[in-house]
């Protein structure tokens, strides 16, 4: 019975870390979206402009650093995203 409690604790811990990862990635996506909206609003009717490459590179570097620091949650998130994308693709 004690072995089951250990497995349950591991699963609960993994689920908590996965939820934390999803929350963090969602927050980052919201910040990027807000930045894009602000950029688009600032442009007005003049058309699209080139994105801020330094900010984009910094965002990519921070994403890579997060994946390197948290490989298991990042892998689980990628797997889940793949399952969702595949499910949506198969519905069409």
PDB file of N, CA and C in Angstrom:
ATOM      1  N   UNK A   1       0.811  -1.184   0.000  1.00  0.00           N
ATOM      2  CA  UNK A   1       0.000   0.000   0.000  1.00  0.00           C
ATOM      3  C   UNK A   1       0.861   1.256   0.000  1.00  0.00           C
ATOM      4  N   UNK A   2       1.994   1.202   0.691  1.00  0.00           N
ATOM      5  CA  UNK A   2       2.875   2.355   0.747  1.00  0.00           C
ATOM      6  C   UNK A   2       3.434   2.681  -0.629  1.00  0.00           C
ATOM      7  N   UNK A   3       3.698   1.668  -1.448  1.00  0.00           N
ATOM      8  CA  UNK A   3       4.194   1.902  -2.796  1.00  0.00           C
ATOM      9  C   UNK A   3       3.206   2.685  -3.630  1.00  0.00           C
ATOM     10  N   UNK A   4       1.910   2.407  -3.429  1.00  0.00           N
ATOM     11  CA  UNK A   4       0.882   3.138  -4.164  1.00  0.00           C
ATOM     12  C   UNK A   4       0.855   4.608  -3.761  1.00  0.00           C
ATOM     13  N   UNK A   5       1.070   4.887  -2.476  1.00  0.00           N
ATOM     14  CA  UNK A   5       1.095   6.277  -2.025  1.00  0.00           C
ATOM     15  C   UNK A   5       2.261   7.027  -2.651  1.00  0.00           C
ATOM     16  N   UNK A   6       3.399   6.359  -2.780  1.00  0.00           N
ATOM     17  CA  UNK A   6       4.558   6.984  -3.418  1.00  0.00           C
ATOM     18  C   UNK A   6       4.291   7.285  -4.876  1.00  0.00           C
ATOM     19  N   UNK A   7       3.641   6.350  -5.564  1.00  0.00           N
ATOM     20  CA  UNK A   7       3.307   6.561  -6.973  1.00  0.00           C
ATOM     21  C   UNK A   7       2.307   7.700  -7.118  1.00  0.00           C
ATOM     22  N   UNK A   8       1.340   7.735  -6.215  1.00  0.00           N
ATOM     23  CA  UNK A   8       0.321   8.774  -6.261  1.00  0.00           C
ATOM     24  C   UNK A   8       0.954  10.148  -6.023  1.00  0.00           C
ATOM     25  N   UNK A   9       1.876  10.227  -5.076  1.00  0.00           N
ATOM     26  CA  UNK A   9       2.549  11.496  -4.805  1.00  0.00           C
ATOM     27  C   UNK A   9       3.358  11.940  -6.011  1.00  0.00           C
ATOM     28  N   UNK A  10       4.027  10.997  -6.666  1.00  0.00           N
ATOM     29  CA  UNK A  10       4.801  11.327  -7.864  1.00  0.00           C
ATOM     30  C   UNK A  10       3.891  11.849  -8.964  1.00  0.00           C
ATOM     31  N   UNK A  11       2.766  11.205  -9.161  1.00  0.00           N
ATOM     32  CA  UNK A  11       1.819  11.625 -10.197  1.00  0.00           C
ATOM     33  C   UNK A  11       1.242  12.995  -9.877  1.00  0.00           C
ATOM     34  N   UNK A  12       0.898  13.220  -8.609  1.00  0.00           N
ATOM     35  CA  UNK A  12       0.365  14.521  -8.217  1.00  0.00           C
ATOM     36  C   UNK A  12       1.412  15.618  -8.401  1.00  0.00           C
ATOM     37  N   UNK A  13       2.666  15.298  -8.072  1.00  0.00           N
ATOM     38  CA  UNK A  13       3.745  16.267  -8.250  1.00  0.00           C
ATOM     39  C   UNK A  13       3.949  16.571  -9.732  1.00  0.00           C
ATOM     40  N   UNK A  14       3.936  15.555 -10.563  1.00  0.00           N
ATOM     41  CA  UNK A  14       4.097  15.758 -12.004  1.00  0.00           C
ATOM     42  C   UNK A  14       2.937  16.575 -12.566  1.00  0.00           C
ATOM     43  N   UNK A  15       1.733  16.302 -12.095  1.00  0.00           N
ATOM     44  CA  UNK A  15       0.569  17.054 -12.560  1.00  0.00           C
ATOM     45  C   UNK A  15       0.670  18.522 -12.136  1.00  0.00           C
ATOM     46  N   UNK A  16       1.142  18.767 -10.935  1.00  0.00           N
ATOM     47  CA  UNK A  16       1.312  20.139 -10.448  1.00  0.00           C
ATOM     48  C   UNK A  16       2.357  20.875 -11.277  1.00  0.00           C
ATOM     49  N   UNK A  17       3.486  20.204 -11.555  1.00  0.00           N
ATOM     50  CA  UNK A  17       4.521  20.833 -12.370  1.00  0.00           C
ATOM     51  C   UNK A  17       4.014  21.095 -13.774  1.00  0.00           C
ATOM     52  N   UNK A  18       3.230  20.177 -14.320  1.00  0.00           N
ATOM     53  CA  UNK A  18       2.672  20.360 -15.654  1.00  0.00           C
ATOM     54  C   UNK A  18       1.722  21.553 -15.675  1.00  0.00           C
ATOM     55  N   UNK A  19       0.887  21.669 -14.648  1.00  0.00           N
ATOM     56  CA  UNK A  19      -0.036  22.798 -14.576  1.00  0.00           C
ATOM     57  C   UNK A  19       0.727  24.108 -14.445  1.00  0.00           C
ATOM     58  N   UNK A  20       1.796  24.118 -13.653  1.00  0.00           N
ATOM     59  CA  UNK A  20       2.624  25.316 -13.522  1.00  0.00           C
ATOM     60  C   UNK A  20       3.247  25.702 -14.863  1.00  0.00           C
ATOM     61  N   UNK A  21       3.685  24.701 -15.609  1.00  0.00           N
ATOM     62  CA  UNK A  21       4.283  24.955 -16.920  1.00  0.00           C
ATOM     63  C   UNK A  21       3.256  25.526 -17.880  1.00  0.00           C
ATOM     64  N   UNK A  22       2.085  24.948 -17.902  1.00  0.00           N
ATOM     65  CA  UNK A  22       1.018  25.438 -18.780  1.00  0.00           C
ATOM     66  C   UNK A  22       0.662  26.878 -18.422  1.00  0.00           C
ATOM     67  N   UNK A  23       0.564  27.169 -17.125  1.00  0.00           N
ATOM     68  CA  UNK A  23       0.249  28.520 -16.679  1.00  0.00           C
ATOM     69  C   UNK A  23       1.332  29.501 -17.114  1.00  0.00           C
ATOM     70  N   UNK A  24       2.597  29.120 -16.934  1.00  0.00           N
ATOM     71  CA  UNK A  24       3.703  29.980 -17.321  1.00  0.00           C
ATOM     72  C   UNK A  24       3.694  30.246 -18.828  1.00  0.00           C
ATOM     73  N   UNK A  25       3.521  29.201 -19.619  1.00  0.00           N
ATOM     74  CA  UNK A  25       3.499  29.367 -21.074  1.00  0.00           C
ATOM     75  C   UNK A  25       2.298  30.190 -21.524  1.00  0.00           C
ATOM     76  N   UNK A  26       1.169  29.989 -20.876  1.00  0.00           N
ATOM     77  CA  UNK A  26      -0.024  30.768 -21.212  1.00  0.00           C
ATOM     78  C   UNK A  26       0.205  32.245 -20.891  1.00  0.00           C
ATOM     79  N   UNK A  27       0.811  32.524 -19.738  1.00  0.00           N
ATOM     80  CA  UNK A  27       1.104  33.911 -19.370  1.00  0.00           C
ATOM     81  C   UNK A  27       2.057  34.558 -20.372  1.00  0.00           C
ATOM     82  N   UNK A  28       3.070  33.810 -20.801  1.00  0.00           N
ATOM     83  CA  UNK A  28       4.006  34.349 -21.786  1.00  0.00           C
ATOM     84  C   UNK A  28       3.306  34.619 -23.110  1.00  0.00           C
ATOM     85  N   UNK A  29       2.418  33.725 -23.510  1.00  0.00           N
ATOM     86  CA  UNK A  29       1.685  33.921 -24.764  1.00  0.00           C
ATOM     87  C   UNK A  29       0.789  35.148 -24.682  1.00  0.00           C
ATOM     88  N   UNK A  30       0.163  35.358 -23.525  1.00  0.00           N
ATOM     89  CA  UNK A  30      -0.693  36.533 -23.344  1.00  0.00           C
ATOM     90  C   UNK A  30       0.137  37.805 -23.445  1.00  0.00           C
ATOM     91  N   UNK A  31       1.327  37.805 -22.835  1.00  0.00           N
ATOM     92  CA  UNK A  31       2.187  38.995 -22.900  1.00  0.00           C
ATOM     93  C   UNK A  31       2.611  39.283 -24.342  1.00  0.00           C
ATOM     94  N   UNK A  32       2.949  38.240 -25.075  1.00  0.00           N
ATOM     95  CA  UNK A  32       3.341  38.431 -26.475  1.00  0.00           C
ATOM     96  C   UNK A  32       2.168  38.964 -27.276  1.00  0.00           C
ATOM     97  N   UNK A  33       0.995  38.396 -27.053  1.00  0.00           N
ATOM     98  CA  UNK A  33      -0.193  38.851 -27.779  1.00  0.00           C
ATOM     99  C   UNK A  33      -0.501  40.313 -27.457  1.00  0.00           C
ATOM    100  N   UNK A  34      -0.391  40.689 -26.171  1.00  0.00           N
ATOM    101  CA  UNK A  34      -0.637  42.078 -25.796  1.00  0.00           C
ATOM    102  C   UNK A  34       0.367  43.008 -26.478  1.00  0.00           C
ATOM    103  N   UNK A  35       1.627  42.579 -26.520  1.00  0.00           N
ATOM    104  CA  UNK A  35       2.642  43.377 -27.191  1.00  0.00           C
ATOM    105  C   UNK A  35       2.345  43.546 -28.666  1.00  0.00           C
ATOM    106  N   UNK A  36       1.893  42.465 -29.303  1.00  0.00           N
ATOM    107  CA  UNK A  36       1.541  42.549 -30.720  1.00  0.00           C
ATOM    108  C   UNK A  36       0.347  43.472 -30.946  1.00  0.00           C
ATOM    109  N   UNK A  37      -0.622  43.385 -30.059  1.00  0.00           N
ATOM    110  CA  UNK A  37      -1.793  44.267 -30.190  1.00  0.00           C
ATOM    111  C   UNK A  37      -1.396  45.724 -30.018  1.00  0.00           C
ATOM    112  N   UNK A  38      -0.529  45.987 -29.026  1.00  0.00           N
ATOM    113  CA  UNK A  38      -0.078  47.359 -28.809  1.00  0.00           C
ATOM    114  C   UNK A  38       0.713  47.869 -30.010  1.00  0.00           C
ATOM    115  N   UNK A  39       1.541  47.003 -30.574  1.00  0.00           N
ATOM    116  CA  UNK A  39       2.310  47.395 -31.759  1.00  0.00           C
ATOM    117  C   UNK A  39       1.380  47.690 -32.925  1.00  0.00           C
ATOM    118  N   UNK A  40       0.374  46.855 -33.098  1.00  0.00           N
ATOM    119  CA  UNK A  40      -0.576  47.052 -34.195  1.00  0.00           C
ATOM    120  C   UNK A  40      -1.381  48.327 -33.976  1.00  0.00           C
ATOM    121  N   UNK A  41      -1.749  48.603 -32.732  1.00  0.00           N
ATOM    122  CA  UNK A  41      -2.513  49.811 -32.436  1.00  0.00           C
ATOM    123  C   UNK A  41      -1.653  51.054 -32.661  1.00  0.00           C
ATOM    124  N   UNK A  42      -0.368  50.952 -32.353  1.00  0.00           N
ATOM    125  CA  UNK A  42       0.536  52.082 -32.538  1.00  0.00           C
ATOM    126  C   UNK A  42       0.785  52.377 -34.004  1.00  0.00           C
ATOM    127  N   UNK A  43       0.704  51.347 -34.828  1.00  0.00           N
ATOM    128  CA  UNK A  43       0.932  51.523 -36.262  1.00  0.00           C
ATOM    129  C   UNK A  43      -0.239  52.254 -36.891  1.00  0.00           C
ATOM    130  N   UNK A  44      -1.437  51.972 -36.420  1.00  0.00           N
ATOM    131  CA  UNK A  44      -2.621  52.637 -36.963  1.00  0.00           C
ATOM    132  C   UNK A  44      -2.889  52.200 -38.385  1.00  0.00           C
ATOM    133  N   UNK A  45      -3.141  53.155 -39.256  1.00  0.00           N
ATOM    134  CA  UNK A  45      -3.488  52.844 -40.630  1.00  0.00           C
ATOM    135  C   UNK A  45      -2.296  52.828 -41.559  1.00  0.00           C
ATOM    136  N   UNK A  46      -1.082  52.873 -41.036  1.00  0.00           N
ATOM    137  CA  UNK A  46       0.087  52.953 -41.906  1.00  0.00           C
ATOM    138  C   UNK A  46       0.545  51.608 -42.420  1.00  0.00           C
ATOM    139  N   UNK A  47      -0.087  50.526 -41.993  1.00  0.00           N
ATOM    140  CA  UNK A  47       0.324  49.203 -42.455  1.00  0.00           C
ATOM    141  C   UNK A  47       1.237  48.523 -41.448  1.00  0.00           C
ATOM    142  N   UNK A  48       1.641  47.320 -41.755  1.00  0.00           N
ATOM    143  CA  UNK A  48       2.464  46.538 -40.846  1.00  0.00           C
ATOM    144  C   UNK A  48       3.909  47.025 -40.883  1.00  0.00           C
ATOM    145  N   UNK A  49       4.586  46.840 -39.751  1.00  0.00           N
ATOM    146  CA  UNK A  49       6.009  47.169 -39.678  1.00  0.00           C
ATOM    147  C   UNK A  49       6.779  45.906 -39.347  1.00  0.00           C
ATOM    148  N   UNK A  50       8.072  45.980 -39.442  1.00  0.00           N
ATOM    149  CA  UNK A  50       8.901  44.837 -39.090  1.00  0.00           C
ATOM    150  C   UNK A  50       8.864  44.630 -37.586  1.00  0.00           C
ATOM    151  N   UNK A  51       8.856  43.363 -37.147  1.00  0.00           N
ATOM    152  CA  UNK A  51       8.850  43.112 -35.705  1.00  0.00           C
ATOM    153  C   UNK A  51      10.193  43.498 -35.085  1.00  0.00           C
ATOM    154  N   UNK A  52      10.179  43.722 -33.793  1.00  0.00           N
ATOM    155  CA  UNK A  52      11.403  44.033 -33.058  1.00  0.00           C
ATOM    156  C   UNK A  52      12.206  42.736 -32.935  1.00  0.00           C
ATOM    157  N   UNK A  53      13.237  42.613 -33.753  1.00  0.00           N
ATOM    158  CA  UNK A  53      13.999  41.362 -33.800  1.00  0.00           C
ATOM    159  C   UNK A  53      14.706  41.073 -32.494  1.00  0.00           C
ATOM    160  N   UNK A  54      15.200  42.089 -31.816  1.00  0.00           N
ATOM    161  CA  UNK A  54      15.883  41.867 -30.542  1.00  0.00           C
ATOM    162  C   UNK A  54      14.913  41.292 -29.508  1.00  0.00           C
ATOM    163  N   UNK A  55      13.690  41.820 -29.469  1.00  0.00           N
ATOM    164  CA  UNK A  55      12.689  41.304 -28.525  1.00  0.00           C
ATOM    165  C   UNK A  55      12.290  39.882 -28.890  1.00  0.00           C
ATOM    166  N   UNK A  56      12.161  39.620 -30.173  1.00  0.00           N
ATOM    167  CA  UNK A  56      11.812  38.276 -30.624  1.00  0.00           C
ATOM    168  C   UNK A  56      12.912  37.278 -30.284  1.00  0.00           C
ATOM    169  N   UNK A  57      14.163  37.654 -30.502  1.00  0.00           N
ATOM    170  CA  UNK A  57      15.284  36.779 -30.162  1.00  0.00           C
ATOM    171  C   UNK A  57      15.347  36.546 -28.652  1.00  0.00           C
ATOM    172  N   UNK A  58      15.087  37.574 -27.854  1.00  0.00           N
ATOM    173  CA  UNK A  58      15.088  37.425 -26.398  1.00  0.00           C
ATOM    174  C   UNK A  58      13.984  36.471 -25.951  1.00  0.00           C
ATOM    175  N   UNK A  59      12.825  36.582 -26.593  1.00  0.00           N
ATOM    176  CA  UNK A  59      11.718  35.682 -26.270  1.00  0.00           C
ATOM    177  C   UNK A  59      12.070  34.243 -26.616  1.00  0.00           C
ATOM    178  N   UNK A  60      12.667  34.024 -27.765  1.00  0.00           N
ATOM    179  CA  UNK A  60      13.058  32.679 -28.178  1.00  0.00           C
ATOM    180  C   UNK A  60      14.109  32.123 -27.220  1.00  0.00           C
ATOM    181  N   UNK A  61      15.104  32.963 -26.852  1.00  0.00           N
ATOM    182  CA  UNK A  61      16.138  32.514 -25.916  1.00  0.00           C
ATOM    183  C   UNK A  61      15.544  32.143 -24.562  1.00  0.00           C
ATOM    184  N   UNK A  62      14.577  32.928 -24.083  1.00  0.00           N
ATOM    185  CA  UNK A  62      13.971  32.609 -22.785  1.00  0.00           C
ATOM    186  C   UNK A  62      13.166  31.316 -22.869  1.00  0.00           C
ATOM    187  N   UNK A  63      12.515  31.072 -24.000  1.00  0.00           N
ATOM    188  CA  UNK A  63      11.789  29.812 -24.184  1.00  0.00           C
ATOM    189  C   UNK A  63      12.727  28.619 -24.216  1.00  0.00           C
ATOM    190  N   UNK A  64      13.847  28.749 -24.907  1.00  0.00           N
ATOM    191  CA  UNK A  64      14.831  27.665 -24.965  1.00  0.00           C
ATOM    192  C   UNK A  64      15.429  27.420 -23.588  1.00  0.00           C
ATOM    193  N   UNK A  65      15.733  28.500 -22.866  1.00  0.00           N
ATOM    194  CA  UNK A  65      16.288  28.353 -21.516  1.00  0.00           C
ATOM    195  C   UNK A  65      15.300  27.635 -20.605  1.00  0.00           C
ATOM    196  N   UNK A  66      14.005  27.981 -20.727  1.00  0.00           N
ATOM    197  CA  UNK A  66      12.994  27.312 -19.898  1.00  0.00           C
ATOM    198  C   UNK A  66      12.937  25.819 -20.215  1.00  0.00           C
ATOM    199  N   UNK A  67      12.993  25.485 -21.492  1.00  0.00           N
ATOM    200  CA  UNK A  67      12.950  24.077 -21.891  1.00  0.00           C
ATOM    201  C   UNK A  67      14.170  23.337 -21.366  1.00  0.00           C
ATOM    202  N   UNK A  68      15.344  23.968 -21.406  1.00  0.00           N
ATOM    203  CA  UNK A  68      16.553  23.324 -20.907  1.00  0.00           C
ATOM    204  C   UNK A  68      16.499  23.140 -19.393  1.00  0.00           C
ATOM    205  N   UNK A  69      15.909  24.077 -18.673  1.00  0.00           N
ATOM    206  CA  UNK A  69      15.813  23.987 -17.222  1.00  0.00           C
ATOM    207  C   UNK A  69      14.707  23.029 -16.779  1.00  0.00           C
ATOM    208  N   UNK A  70      13.679  22.854 -17.584  1.00  0.00           N
ATOM    209  CA  UNK A  70      12.511  22.039 -17.228  1.00  0.00           C
ATOM    210  C   UNK A  70      12.166  21.091 -18.364  1.00  0.00           C
ATOM    211  N   UNK A  71      13.024  20.115 -18.648  1.00  0.00           N
ATOM    212  CA  UNK A  71      12.784  19.280 -19.824  1.00  0.00           C
ATOM    213  C   UNK A  71      11.546  18.381 -19.714  1.00  0.00           C
ATOM    214  N   UNK A  72      11.262  17.856 -18.535  1.00  0.00           N
ATOM    215  CA  UNK A  72      10.121  16.937 -18.420  1.00  0.00           C
ATOM    216  C   UNK A  72       8.796  17.678 -18.605  1.00  0.00           C
ATOM    217  N   UNK A  73       8.540  18.777 -17.874  1.00  0.00           N
ATOM    218  CA  UNK A  73       7.278  19.480 -18.113  1.00  0.00           C
ATOM    219  C   UNK A  73       7.146  19.998 -19.545  1.00  0.00           C
ATOM    220  N   UNK A  74       8.251  20.474 -20.110  1.00  0.00           N
ATOM    221  CA  UNK A  74       8.199  20.978 -21.481  1.00  0.00           C
ATOM    222  C   UNK A  74       7.864  19.856 -22.460  1.00  0.00           C
ATOM    223  N   UNK A  75       8.435  18.680 -22.227  1.00  0.00           N
ATOM    224  CA  UNK A  75       8.147  17.532 -23.083  1.00  0.00           C
ATOM    225  C   UNK A  75       6.692  17.109 -22.954  1.00  0.00           C
ATOM    226  N   UNK A  76       6.192  17.077 -21.713  1.00  0.00           N
ATOM    227  CA  UNK A  76       4.789  16.705 -21.502  1.00  0.00           C
ATOM    228  C   UNK A  76       3.853  17.713 -22.153  1.00  0.00           C
ATOM    229  N   UNK A  77       4.202  18.988 -22.057  1.00  0.00           N
ATOM    230  CA  UNK A  77       3.377  20.011 -22.693  1.00  0.00           C
ATOM    231  C   UNK A  77       3.383  19.857 -24.207  1.00  0.00           C
ATOM    232  N   UNK A  78       4.555  19.609 -24.768  1.00  0.00           N
ATOM    233  CA  UNK A  78       4.658  19.426 -26.221  1.00  0.00           C
ATOM    234  C   UNK A  78       3.869  18.202 -26.666  1.00  0.00           C
ATOM    235  N   UNK A  79       3.945  17.136 -25.881  1.00  0.00           N
ATOM    236  CA  UNK A  79       3.196  15.923 -26.201  1.00  0.00           C
ATOM    237  C   UNK A  79       1.697  16.208 -26.173  1.00  0.00           C
ATOM    238  N   UNK A  80       1.251  16.917 -25.135  1.00  0.00           N
ATOM    239  CA  UNK A  80      -0.168  17.263 -25.027  1.00  0.00           C
ATOM    240  C   UNK A  80      -0.620  18.152 -26.174  1.00  0.00           C
ATOM    241  N   UNK A  81       0.218  19.125 -26.535  1.00  0.00           N
ATOM    242  CA  UNK A  81      -0.125  20.003 -27.658  1.00  0.00           C
ATOM    243  C   UNK A  81      -0.209  19.210 -28.957  1.00  0.00           C
ATOM    244  N   UNK A  82       0.671  18.242 -29.116  1.00  0.00           N
ATOM    245  CA  UNK A  82       0.632  17.391 -30.308  1.00  0.00           C
ATOM    246  C   UNK A  82      -0.638  16.560 -30.378  1.00  0.00           C
ATOM    247  N   UNK A  83      -1.051  16.045 -29.234  1.00  0.00           N
ATOM    248  CA  UNK A  83      -2.288  15.248 -29.191  1.00  0.00           C
ATOM    249  C   UNK A  83      -3.485  16.121 -29.544  1.00  0.00           C
ATOM    250  N   UNK A  84      -3.527  17.332 -28.975  1.00  0.00           N
ATOM    251  CA  UNK A  84      -4.636  18.239 -29.272  1.00  0.00           C
ATOM    252  C   UNK A  84      -4.630  18.625 -30.752  1.00  0.00           C
ATOM    253  N   UNK A  85      -3.463  18.967 -31.281  1.00  0.00           N
ATOM    254  CA  UNK A  85      -3.380  19.361 -32.689  1.00  0.00           C
ATOM    255  C   UNK A  85      -3.793  18.205 -33.600  1.00  0.00           C
ATOM    256  N   UNK A  86      -3.358  17.007 -33.267  1.00  0.00           N
ATOM    257  CA  UNK A  86      -3.710  15.835 -34.071  1.00  0.00           C
ATOM    258  C   UNK A  86      -5.222  15.592 -34.020  1.00  0.00           C
ATOM    259  N   UNK A  87      -5.802  15.728 -32.827  1.00  0.00           N
ATOM    260  CA  UNK A  87      -7.245  15.538 -32.680  1.00  0.00           C
ATOM    261  C   UNK A  87      -8.017  16.560 -33.520  1.00  0.00           C
ATOM    262  N   UNK A  88      -7.565  17.808 -33.469  1.00  0.00           N
ATOM    263  CA  UNK A  88      -8.248  18.837 -34.257  1.00  0.00           C
ATOM    264  C   UNK A  88      -8.081  18.596 -35.744  1.00  0.00           C
ATOM    265  N   UNK A  89      -6.903  18.160 -36.150  1.00  0.00           N
ATOM    266  CA  UNK A  89      -6.634  17.893 -37.557  1.00  0.00           C
ATOM    267  C   UNK A  89      -7.503  16.744 -38.058  1.00  0.00           C
ATOM    268  N   UNK A  90      -7.656  15.695 -37.229  1.00  0.00           N
ATOM    269  CA  UNK A  90      -8.425  14.523 -37.642  1.00  0.00           C
ATOM    270  C   UNK A  90      -9.924  14.823 -37.730  1.00  0.00           C
ATOM    271  N   UNK A  91     -10.395  15.829 -37.003  1.00  0.00           N
ATOM    272  CA  UNK A  91     -11.828  16.185 -37.044  1.00  0.00           C
ATOM    273  C   UNK A  91     -12.188  16.806 -38.381  1.00  0.00           C
ATOM    274  N   UNK A  92     -11.230  17.429 -39.033  1.00  0.00           N
ATOM    275  CA  UNK A  92     -11.495  18.051 -40.337  1.00  0.00           C
ATOM    276  C   UNK A  92     -11.516  16.993 -41.349  1.00  0.00           C
TER     277      UNK A  92
END
